[in-house]
Amino acid sequence: MHIYPEDVAEAILFFVSDRSAKTTGNMLNVDGGVSAAFPR
């Protein structure tokens, strides 16, 4: 699975939107389900 700039942009838009207003200290992985891409 490929990750495109649009995928990252959607994640950023989520964090700057009202939909994330009640979240704190979260990390949203945009990795297409590839567990090896998870930050350590």
C-alpha atoms as a PDB file:
ATOM      1  CA  MET A   1       0.000   0.000   0.000  1.00  0.00           C
ATOM      2  CA  HIS A   2       1.278   3.428  -0.884  1.00  0.00           C
ATOM      3  CA  ILE A   3       0.974   6.519   1.253  1.00  0.00           C
ATOM      4  CA  TYR A   4       0.431   9.723  -0.677  1.00  0.00           C
ATOM      5  CA  PRO A   5       0.747  13.369   0.386  1.00  0.00           C
ATOM      6  CA  GLU A   6      -3.049  13.553   0.341  1.00  0.00           C
ATOM      7  CA  ASP A   7      -3.178  10.859   3.044  1.00  0.00           C
ATOM      8  CA  VAL A   8      -0.898  12.874   5.304  1.00  0.00           C
ATOM      9  CA  ALA A   9      -2.902  16.023   4.556  1.00  0.00           C
ATOM     10  CA  GLU A  10      -6.104  14.295   5.686  1.00  0.00           C
ATOM     11  CA  ALA A  11      -4.468  13.391   9.002  1.00  0.00           C
ATOM     12  CA  ILE A  12      -3.314  16.979   9.499  1.00  0.00           C
ATOM     13  CA  LEU A  13      -6.768  18.299   8.644  1.00  0.00           C
ATOM     14  CA  PHE A  14      -8.250  16.010  11.278  1.00  0.00           C
ATOM     15  CA  PHE A  15      -6.007  17.460  13.987  1.00  0.00           C
ATOM     16  CA  VAL A  16      -6.749  21.073  13.025  1.00  0.00           C
ATOM     17  CA  SER A  17     -10.492  20.490  12.724  1.00  0.00           C
ATOM     18  CA  ASP A  18     -13.176  20.572  15.405  1.00  0.00           C
ATOM     19  CA  ARG A  19     -13.382  16.774  15.189  1.00  0.00           C
ATOM     20  CA  SER A  20     -10.242  16.534  17.297  1.00  0.00           C
ATOM     21  CA  ALA A  21     -11.212  19.260  19.780  1.00  0.00           C
ATOM     22  CA  LYS A  22     -11.452  16.824  22.709  1.00  0.00           C
ATOM     23  CA  THR A  23      -8.233  14.945  22.077  1.00  0.00           C
ATOM     24  CA  THR A  24      -4.852  15.561  23.705  1.00  0.00           C
ATOM     25  CA  GLY A  25      -1.447  14.013  23.255  1.00  0.00           C
ATOM     26  CA  ASN A  26      -2.376  11.759  20.361  1.00  0.00           C
ATOM     27  CA  MET A  27      -0.281  10.328  17.596  1.00  0.00           C
ATOM     28  CA  LEU A  28      -2.016   9.369  14.369  1.00  0.00           C
ATOM     29  CA  ASN A  29      -0.030   6.914  12.271  1.00  0.00           C
ATOM     30  CA  VAL A  30      -0.379   7.307   8.533  1.00  0.00           C
ATOM     31  CA  ASP A  31       1.384   4.108   7.588  1.00  0.00           C
ATOM     32  CA  GLY A  32      -1.140   2.132   5.559  1.00  0.00           C
ATOM     33  CA  GLY A  33      -1.200  -0.593   8.195  1.00  0.00           C
ATOM     34  CA  VAL A  34       2.493  -1.400   7.899  1.00  0.00           C
ATOM     35  CA  SER A  35       3.522  -2.057  11.484  1.00  0.00           C
ATOM     36  CA  ALA A  36       7.231  -1.683  10.635  1.00  0.00           C
ATOM     37  CA  ALA A  37       6.571   2.012   9.967  1.00  0.00           C
ATOM     38  CA  PHE A  38       5.417   2.591  13.575  1.00  0.00           C
ATOM     39  CA  PRO A  39       7.723   5.023  15.407  1.00  0.00           C
ATOM     40  CA  ARG A  40       9.692   3.509  18.262  1.00  0.00           C
END
